[in-house]
Amino acid sequence: MSLVNAKKIRIGGDGNPGSATLYSGELLCTGSNPGFYVGNYSSGQGEFNQYGGQVTTPLTIVGRGNNNTGFYRIEGGTLQTDSLTINNTGTFVWLDDATVKNDSTIVISGGGFERGATAAWAPAEEVRLTNETDAYAYVTAPTTFSGSGQMTQNNGHVVINDLTVTSNYDLTRGLLESQDLYNASQINIGSEGSLTAGTIHGDFNHTSGTLDAGTPNVAAVTGPANDRRVTISGAAMGETTITGDYSMGPDAVLAIDLDPSQPAGFAPSNNDPAYPSVSDKLVVEGSIDLGGTLDLRPTTTEWINGVEFDILDFTLTPENDADSDGELDSKFDWIILPLLGEDGFATIAGDDLMPNPEGVGEGGISTLLRWDLRDLYTTGLIRVVPEPATWAIYGFGLIGFGWFIRRRKSQK
């Protein structure tokens, strides 16, 4: 099938659904203001499946919002377009041996961009997610932003399994996840932006925004042969490893998720050596220079005595422990600690956890709990332990949802 010298091609419109499939031939849009529109005109629902052939158009728009739903799946052939816009009711799925030649911009405005293939993906000159919260891009193919390539993420969710950044990636807002991330210092994380990575290869100068430690989602192609999509799964508490040096600026946030429902101890089946409770963990193989904020985020409000979290893994060296006191010289400027129950206390009576600031439980001897951070800068461990008679020695202040500790830097 071929359709050449068409000014505009619209699939779905005037309140009617439309669908088309291209196996071979060419669709060519030329003339004044040409464009290829899938579900983008007057309450139209459009679907276009391309398994071969070539579509050539300066402008491709998928979906438009409201009642305009667009779906473009390309599994073979070539799409040659200067600009690809995926609006909030649009989905663009790019699979297998298909080629998308995009010389200008990809704009994801609340819709979905799904890229799954074994071949490397070289992005367009500019890829931009708008302020829409439901915008997403899931990419299985290795991806490099280099040269004039620019990624701007103003919101939404991006999952790129293997990402190399050699030009700017502006993560103003939203979440970026990557299993293998290279040149992370090229990512400009805004105050509302968040990054999760399995392995950050090389150094990471974390100046602002949030590094959310843990296991990221991974994108994969799923579904039957005639209806394949790119979906994500796998996010969990786990480790983030930085193979080089890690430094934190005053506006940087390191977020660690904690599961306070499981005590540390020995495996009940075989008495293996002690293991910590479940939490995220940041592993730094190079030098470490802390600062900014440590934000501890529990998965439940029910705490038990004896939880122990291994949240940091680092090596003490003459560079980061200059006074040889067995403790990191650098410290977090702020630490946000979760409340241990009502008013910051928790009471244990038998196996039941009850908020009780007065320490009086029902049916058993009660124990108030407190945070123990003494080993944070030596072994990376933090604990919840029985509360001593007074809190005065800790000088903690209560703010909103949790305890907020500020480290006072020495005056020189």
Protein backbone atom coordinates (compact mmCIF):
# COMPACT_ATOMS: atom_id res chain seq x y z
CA MET A 1 0.00 0.00 0.00
CA SER A 2 1.26 3.46 -0.84
CA LEU A 3 -0.17 6.92 -0.28
CA VAL A 4 2.12 9.72 -1.40
CA ASN A 5 1.88 13.50 -1.59
CA ALA A 6 -0.88 13.60 1.00
CA LYS A 7 -1.09 16.84 2.97
CA LYS A 8 -2.47 15.29 6.15
CA ILE A 9 -3.25 11.71 7.14
CA ARG A 10 -5.71 11.29 10.01
CA ILE A 11 -6.66 7.98 11.58
CA GLY A 12 -9.77 8.41 13.71
CA GLY A 13 -11.81 11.61 13.75
CA ASP A 14 -15.22 13.30 13.67
CA GLY A 15 -16.37 11.09 16.52
CA ASN A 16 -15.52 7.89 14.68
CA PRO A 17 -12.84 5.34 15.49
CA GLY A 18 -10.28 4.46 12.88
CA SER A 19 -7.55 1.88 12.43
CA ALA A 20 -4.98 1.00 9.79
CA THR A 21 -2.11 -1.44 9.31
CA LEU A 22 0.92 -0.97 7.09
CA TYR A 23 2.88 -4.03 5.94
CA SER A 24 4.68 -2.52 2.94
CA GLY A 25 4.68 0.52 0.70
CA GLU A 26 4.89 4.17 1.72
CA LEU A 27 2.83 6.87 3.39
CA LEU A 28 4.23 10.29 2.45
CA CYS A 29 2.95 13.57 3.85
CA THR A 30 4.02 16.69 1.93
CA GLY A 31 2.71 20.14 1.07
CA SER A 32 1.68 22.95 3.40
CA ASN A 33 1.60 22.00 7.12
CA PRO A 34 1.70 18.25 6.50
CA GLY A 35 1.28 15.78 9.32
CA PHE A 36 0.34 12.26 10.39
CA TYR A 37 -2.31 12.22 13.12
CA VAL A 38 -3.36 9.11 15.05
CA GLY A 39 -6.44 9.76 17.20
CA ASN A 40 -5.83 13.48 17.11
CA TYR A 41 -8.84 15.09 15.48
CA SER A 42 -12.38 15.88 16.64
CA SER A 43 -13.13 13.11 19.17
CA GLY A 44 -11.35 10.42 17.22
CA GLN A 45 -9.97 7.12 18.48
CA GLY A 46 -7.17 6.02 16.21
CA GLU A 47 -4.92 2.95 16.04
CA PHE A 48 -2.06 2.43 13.61
CA ASN A 49 0.08 -0.72 13.45
CA GLN A 50 3.17 -0.69 11.25
CA TYR A 51 4.95 -3.96 10.43
CA GLY A 52 6.85 -2.76 7.36
CA GLY A 53 7.04 -0.05 4.76
CA GLN A 54 7.83 3.59 5.45
CA VAL A 55 5.96 6.55 6.88
CA THR A 56 7.54 9.91 6.03
CA THR A 57 6.14 13.03 7.64
CA PRO A 58 7.53 16.19 9.24
CA LEU A 59 5.03 15.93 12.10
CA THR A 60 3.62 12.90 13.93
CA ILE A 61 1.03 13.39 16.68
CA VAL A 62 -0.45 10.51 18.69
CA GLY A 63 -3.49 11.27 20.85
CA ARG A 64 -4.75 14.70 21.77
CA GLY A 65 -6.58 14.48 25.08
CA ASN A 66 -10.26 14.40 25.97
CA ASN A 67 -11.87 11.87 23.65
CA ASN A 68 -8.95 11.63 21.24
CA THR A 69 -7.16 8.35 21.97
CA GLY A 70 -4.21 7.43 19.81
CA PHE A 71 -2.14 4.26 19.62
CA TYR A 72 0.81 3.81 17.26
CA ARG A 73 2.75 0.53 17.33
CA ILE A 74 5.73 0.10 15.00
CA GLU A 75 7.29 -3.38 14.86
CA GLY A 76 8.87 -3.17 11.43
CA GLY A 77 9.64 -0.70 8.68
CA THR A 78 10.61 2.94 9.15
CA LEU A 79 9.05 6.07 10.55
CA GLN A 80 10.86 9.19 9.28
CA THR A 81 9.63 12.22 11.21
CA ASP A 82 11.13 15.48 12.39
CA SER A 83 8.86 15.79 15.42
CA LEU A 84 7.02 13.10 17.39
CA THR A 85 4.47 14.30 19.94
CA ILE A 86 2.68 11.87 22.25
CA ASN A 87 -0.17 13.59 24.03
CA ASN A 88 -1.91 12.60 27.24
CA THR A 89 -4.17 9.98 25.62
CA GLY A 90 -1.54 8.71 23.22
CA THR A 91 0.78 5.71 23.31
CA PHE A 92 3.73 5.08 21.02
CA VAL A 93 5.19 1.55 21.06
CA TRP A 94 8.46 0.95 19.20
CA LEU A 95 9.58 -2.69 18.97
CA ASP A 96 11.92 -5.14 17.30
CA ASP A 97 13.57 -4.19 14.00
CA ALA A 98 11.58 -1.04 13.37
CA THR A 99 13.51 2.17 12.66
CA VAL A 100 12.42 5.58 13.91
CA LYS A 101 14.41 8.42 12.38
CA ASN A 102 13.68 11.50 14.43
CA ASP A 103 15.77 14.55 13.64
CA SER A 104 14.24 17.08 15.98
CA THR A 105 12.13 16.43 19.06
CA ILE A 106 10.16 13.82 20.93
CA VAL A 107 7.61 15.44 23.24
CA ILE A 108 5.78 13.23 25.74
CA SER A 109 2.89 15.25 27.08
CA GLY A 110 1.09 12.93 29.47
CA GLY A 111 1.18 9.98 27.10
CA GLY A 112 3.40 6.93 26.93
CA PHE A 113 6.56 6.16 24.97
CA GLU A 114 7.56 2.48 25.01
CA ARG A 115 10.83 1.39 23.41
CA GLY A 116 11.80 -2.27 23.46
CA ALA A 117 14.53 -3.77 21.33
CA THR A 118 17.99 -5.26 21.47
CA ALA A 119 19.61 -2.63 19.25
CA ALA A 120 20.92 0.58 20.78
CA TRP A 121 18.71 3.64 20.68
CA ALA A 122 20.19 7.02 19.73
CA PRO A 123 17.63 9.61 20.86
CA ALA A 124 16.51 12.62 18.94
CA GLU A 125 18.08 16.02 19.34
CA GLU A 126 15.64 16.73 22.15
CA VAL A 127 13.38 14.50 24.24
CA ARG A 128 11.03 16.33 26.57
CA LEU A 129 8.48 15.20 29.14
CA THR A 130 6.04 17.96 29.98
CA ASN A 131 4.47 18.77 33.34
CA GLU A 132 1.85 16.03 33.05
CA THR A 133 2.20 13.56 35.93
CA ASP A 134 1.11 10.55 33.86
CA ALA A 135 3.72 11.03 31.15
CA TYR A 136 6.07 8.06 30.90
CA ALA A 137 8.90 6.59 28.86
CA TYR A 138 9.90 2.93 29.30
CA VAL A 139 12.99 1.88 27.36
CA THR A 140 14.70 -1.52 27.27
CA ALA A 141 17.30 -0.59 24.64
CA PRO A 142 20.67 0.89 25.66
CA THR A 143 20.33 4.65 25.41
CA THR A 144 22.91 7.43 25.10
CA PHE A 145 22.24 11.14 25.34
CA SER A 146 25.28 12.72 23.73
CA GLY A 147 26.38 15.57 21.54
CA SER A 148 23.43 17.88 20.97
CA GLY A 149 21.05 15.41 22.59
CA GLN A 150 19.00 16.92 25.41
CA MET A 151 16.61 15.23 27.81
CA THR A 152 14.24 17.40 29.81
CA GLN A 153 12.01 15.66 32.32
CA ASN A 154 9.57 18.09 33.91
CA ASN A 155 7.42 15.36 35.45
CA GLY A 156 6.33 11.80 34.95
CA HIS A 157 8.22 8.53 35.08
CA VAL A 158 11.18 7.42 32.97
CA VAL A 159 12.66 3.90 33.10
CA ILE A 160 15.72 3.31 30.90
CA ASN A 161 17.47 0.03 31.69
CA ASP A 162 20.89 1.09 30.40
CA LEU A 163 21.48 4.84 30.28
CA THR A 164 24.61 6.82 29.38
CA VAL A 165 24.49 10.59 29.78
CA THR A 166 27.23 12.63 28.14
CA SER A 167 25.15 15.77 27.62
CA ASN A 168 22.67 17.40 29.99
CA TYR A 169 19.72 15.52 31.45
CA ASP A 170 17.48 17.96 33.32
CA LEU A 171 15.41 16.04 35.86
CA THR A 172 13.33 18.94 37.13
CA ARG A 173 10.52 16.85 38.58
CA GLY A 174 9.40 13.23 38.50
CA LEU A 175 11.24 9.91 38.75
CA LEU A 176 14.09 8.50 36.67
CA GLU A 177 15.01 4.83 37.12
CA SER A 178 17.91 2.95 35.54
CA GLN A 179 19.49 -0.44 36.20
CA ASP A 180 22.87 0.69 34.82
CA LEU A 181 23.59 4.41 34.81
CA TYR A 182 26.75 6.01 33.43
CA ASN A 183 27.90 9.61 34.00
CA ALA A 184 25.24 10.35 36.60
CA SER A 185 26.87 13.69 37.43
CA GLN A 186 25.53 14.95 34.09
CA ILE A 187 22.00 14.65 35.48
CA ASN A 188 20.73 17.90 36.94
CA ILE A 189 18.28 16.78 39.62
CA GLY A 190 15.85 19.48 40.72
CA SER A 191 14.40 19.80 44.19
CA GLU A 192 11.35 17.78 43.10
CA GLY A 193 13.28 15.26 41.04
CA SER A 194 14.19 11.74 42.16
CA LEU A 195 16.70 9.21 40.83
CA THR A 196 16.79 5.45 41.51
CA ALA A 197 19.58 3.32 40.05
CA GLY A 198 20.85 -0.21 40.55
CA THR A 199 24.45 0.66 39.68
CA ILE A 200 25.85 4.13 39.13
CA HIS A 201 29.05 3.58 37.18
CA GLY A 202 31.82 6.04 38.01
CA ASP A 203 31.62 9.10 40.26
CA PHE A 204 28.41 10.83 41.32
CA ASN A 205 28.49 14.43 42.47
CA HIS A 206 25.05 14.68 44.06
CA THR A 207 24.36 18.40 44.32
CA SER A 208 20.57 18.54 44.71
CA GLY A 209 17.38 16.52 44.45
CA THR A 210 16.84 13.00 45.76
CA LEU A 211 18.81 9.81 45.29
CA ASP A 212 16.25 7.16 46.26
CA ALA A 213 18.38 4.10 47.00
CA GLY A 214 17.04 0.65 46.19
CA THR A 215 16.28 -1.73 43.33
CA PRO A 216 14.81 0.12 40.33
CA ASN A 217 12.08 -1.01 37.99
CA VAL A 218 13.25 -2.76 34.83
CA ALA A 219 11.52 -2.43 31.46
CA ALA A 220 10.71 -5.54 29.43
CA VAL A 221 8.63 -6.49 26.41
CA THR A 222 5.58 -8.51 27.42
CA GLY A 223 2.34 -9.79 25.93
CA PRO A 224 1.34 -12.02 23.00
CA ALA A 225 2.91 -11.63 19.57
CA ASN A 226 0.05 -9.55 18.23
CA ASP A 227 -0.24 -7.25 21.24
CA ARG A 228 3.18 -6.70 22.71
CA ARG A 229 3.92 -3.80 25.03
CA VAL A 230 6.77 -2.55 27.18
CA THR A 231 5.98 -2.85 30.87
CA ILE A 232 7.99 -2.32 34.05
CA SER A 233 8.41 -4.36 37.23
CA GLY A 234 10.91 -5.24 39.93
CA ALA A 235 11.11 -2.16 42.12
CA ALA A 236 11.94 -3.19 45.68
CA MET A 237 14.08 -2.39 48.64
CA GLY A 238 17.66 -3.25 47.80
CA GLU A 239 21.09 -1.86 47.04
CA THR A 240 22.29 1.06 44.99
CA THR A 241 25.99 0.75 44.19
CA ILE A 242 28.23 3.65 43.18
CA THR A 243 31.42 2.26 41.66
CA GLY A 244 33.32 5.55 42.00
CA ASP A 245 33.28 8.48 44.43
CA TYR A 246 30.12 9.91 45.98
CA SER A 247 29.72 13.44 47.29
CA MET A 248 26.64 15.25 48.59
CA GLY A 249 25.90 18.95 48.40
CA PRO A 250 23.82 20.79 51.01
CA ASP A 251 20.64 20.47 48.90
CA ALA A 252 21.06 16.74 48.20
CA VAL A 253 18.75 14.14 49.77
CA LEU A 254 19.56 10.45 50.24
CA ALA A 255 16.31 8.53 50.73
CA ILE A 256 16.38 5.10 52.39
CA ASP A 257 13.29 2.89 52.77
CA LEU A 258 13.00 0.79 55.93
CA ASP A 259 10.84 -2.21 56.85
CA PRO A 260 10.50 -1.98 60.64
CA SER A 261 8.34 -5.10 60.92
CA GLN A 262 11.19 -7.65 60.84
CA PRO A 263 13.83 -7.88 63.61
CA ALA A 264 17.48 -8.48 62.95
CA GLY A 265 18.87 -11.78 64.16
CA PHE A 266 19.55 -15.29 62.98
CA ALA A 267 17.84 -17.22 60.23
CA PRO A 268 15.30 -19.41 62.04
CA SER A 269 15.89 -22.41 59.80
CA ASN A 270 19.66 -22.86 60.08
CA ASN A 271 21.03 -20.32 62.57
CA ASP A 272 23.03 -18.51 59.92
CA PRO A 273 25.04 -15.51 61.12
CA ALA A 274 23.16 -12.38 62.05
CA TYR A 275 21.46 -10.48 59.27
CA PRO A 276 19.97 -7.00 59.35
CA SER A 277 16.35 -6.04 58.97
CA VAL A 278 15.16 -5.23 55.47
CA SER A 279 16.04 -1.81 54.11
CA ASP A 280 17.57 0.02 51.19
CA LYS A 281 21.33 0.37 51.18
CA LEU A 282 23.83 2.66 49.50
CA VAL A 283 27.15 1.02 48.64
CA VAL A 284 30.01 3.39 47.77
CA GLU A 285 33.12 1.70 46.37
CA GLY A 286 35.16 4.90 46.07
CA SER A 287 35.53 7.80 48.47
CA ILE A 288 32.51 9.22 50.26
CA ASP A 289 31.77 12.81 51.29
CA LEU A 290 28.42 13.14 53.05
CA GLY A 291 26.31 16.26 53.52
CA GLY A 292 22.74 17.27 52.77
CA THR A 293 19.89 15.23 54.23
CA LEU A 294 19.38 11.57 55.10
CA ASP A 295 15.66 10.81 54.81
CA LEU A 296 14.60 7.53 56.44
CA ARG A 297 11.23 6.33 55.12
CA PRO A 298 9.44 3.45 56.87
CA THR A 299 7.06 1.16 55.00
CA THR A 300 4.81 0.76 58.05
CA THR A 301 4.10 2.61 61.29
CA GLU A 302 4.43 -0.52 63.40
CA TRP A 303 7.87 -0.77 64.97
CA ILE A 304 9.40 -3.58 66.97
CA ASN A 305 12.35 -3.70 69.31
CA GLY A 306 15.56 -5.00 67.79
CA VAL A 307 15.30 -3.79 64.22
CA GLU A 308 18.72 -3.07 62.77
CA PHE A 309 19.23 -1.51 59.37
CA ASP A 310 22.43 -1.71 57.32
CA ILE A 311 21.97 1.40 55.18
CA LEU A 312 25.52 2.45 54.23
CA ASP A 313 28.53 0.48 53.00
CA PHE A 314 31.81 2.35 52.68
CA THR A 315 35.51 1.93 53.39
CA LEU A 316 37.28 4.11 55.93
CA THR A 317 40.47 5.58 54.46
CA PRO A 318 42.99 8.24 55.52
CA GLU A 319 41.15 10.61 53.18
CA ASN A 320 37.70 10.25 54.78
CA ASP A 321 38.92 9.47 58.32
CA ALA A 322 41.80 11.89 58.69
CA ASP A 323 41.89 11.74 62.49
CA SER A 324 41.85 7.90 62.46
CA ASP A 325 39.03 7.71 65.02
CA GLY A 326 37.27 4.95 63.07
CA GLU A 327 34.48 7.27 61.93
CA LEU A 328 33.75 9.20 58.76
CA ASP A 329 34.85 12.81 58.96
CA SER A 330 31.91 13.96 56.83
CA LYS A 331 28.39 13.77 58.26
CA PHE A 332 24.86 14.38 57.07
CA ASP A 333 23.75 17.95 57.74
CA TRP A 334 20.23 16.75 58.54
CA ILE A 335 18.67 13.39 59.40
CA ILE A 336 14.91 12.85 59.20
CA LEU A 337 13.94 10.03 61.58
CA PRO A 338 10.49 8.40 61.48
CA LEU A 339 8.35 8.56 64.57
CA LEU A 340 8.42 5.41 66.68
CA GLY A 341 4.72 5.56 67.44
CA GLU A 342 2.54 8.28 68.90
CA ASP A 343 4.48 11.38 69.98
CA GLY A 344 7.69 9.72 68.89
CA PHE A 345 7.49 6.76 71.24
CA ALA A 346 6.41 3.16 70.82
CA THR A 347 5.36 0.64 73.44
CA ILE A 348 5.76 -3.11 73.22
CA ALA A 349 3.50 -5.34 75.29
CA GLY A 350 4.26 -8.96 74.50
CA ASP A 351 4.21 -9.16 70.71
CA ASP A 352 1.84 -6.23 70.28
CA LEU A 353 2.97 -2.73 69.44
CA MET A 354 0.92 0.03 71.00
CA PRO A 355 1.54 3.77 70.91
CA ASN A 356 1.88 4.81 74.53
CA PRO A 357 4.08 7.76 75.48
CA GLU A 358 3.68 6.99 79.18
CA GLY A 359 5.14 3.51 78.77
CA VAL A 360 2.15 1.69 80.28
CA GLY A 361 1.05 -1.29 78.25
CA GLU A 362 -1.68 -3.86 78.57
CA GLY A 363 -0.89 -7.49 79.25
CA GLY A 364 2.87 -7.26 79.59
CA ILE A 365 5.98 -5.28 80.41
CA SER A 366 6.29 -2.28 78.13
CA THR A 367 9.44 -0.83 76.62
CA LEU A 368 9.83 2.58 75.07
CA LEU A 369 11.97 2.66 71.93
CA ARG A 370 14.48 5.14 70.58
CA TRP A 371 16.86 5.49 67.68
CA ASP A 372 20.49 4.45 68.06
CA LEU A 373 22.71 6.12 65.44
CA ARG A 374 26.08 5.55 67.11
CA ASP A 375 27.35 3.25 64.36
CA LEU A 376 26.01 5.19 61.38
CA TYR A 377 29.38 6.71 60.48
CA THR A 378 31.48 3.68 61.43
CA THR A 379 29.65 0.65 60.02
CA GLY A 380 26.57 2.18 58.38
CA LEU A 381 24.21 0.52 60.88
CA ILE A 382 21.26 2.17 62.64
CA ARG A 383 19.05 0.52 65.25
CA VAL A 384 15.86 0.85 67.25
CA VAL A 385 16.58 0.03 70.90
CA PRO A 386 14.87 0.32 74.31
CA GLU A 387 14.53 3.88 75.55
CA PRO A 388 16.63 4.99 78.55
CA ALA A 389 15.15 7.05 81.34
CA THR A 390 15.47 10.39 79.58
CA TRP A 391 15.61 11.86 76.08
CA ALA A 392 17.25 15.03 77.25
CA ILE A 393 20.74 13.91 76.33
CA TYR A 394 19.77 13.64 72.67
CA GLY A 395 18.33 17.14 72.28
CA PHE A 396 15.90 15.98 69.57
CA GLY A 397 13.26 18.32 68.22
CA LEU A 398 9.94 17.14 66.88
CA ILE A 399 8.79 18.46 63.53
CA GLY A 400 5.69 17.39 61.64
CA PHE A 401 5.95 13.75 60.64
CA GLY A 402 9.18 12.72 62.30
CA TRP A 403 12.28 13.54 64.23
CA PHE A 404 14.55 16.03 62.51
CA ILE A 405 18.19 16.15 63.55
CA ARG A 406 20.58 18.85 62.41
CA ARG A 407 24.30 18.47 62.77
CA ARG A 408 25.99 21.63 63.94
CA LYS A 409 29.18 22.19 62.03
CA SER A 410 32.17 23.26 64.03
CA GLN A 411 33.13 26.91 63.86
CA LYS A 412 36.58 27.52 62.46
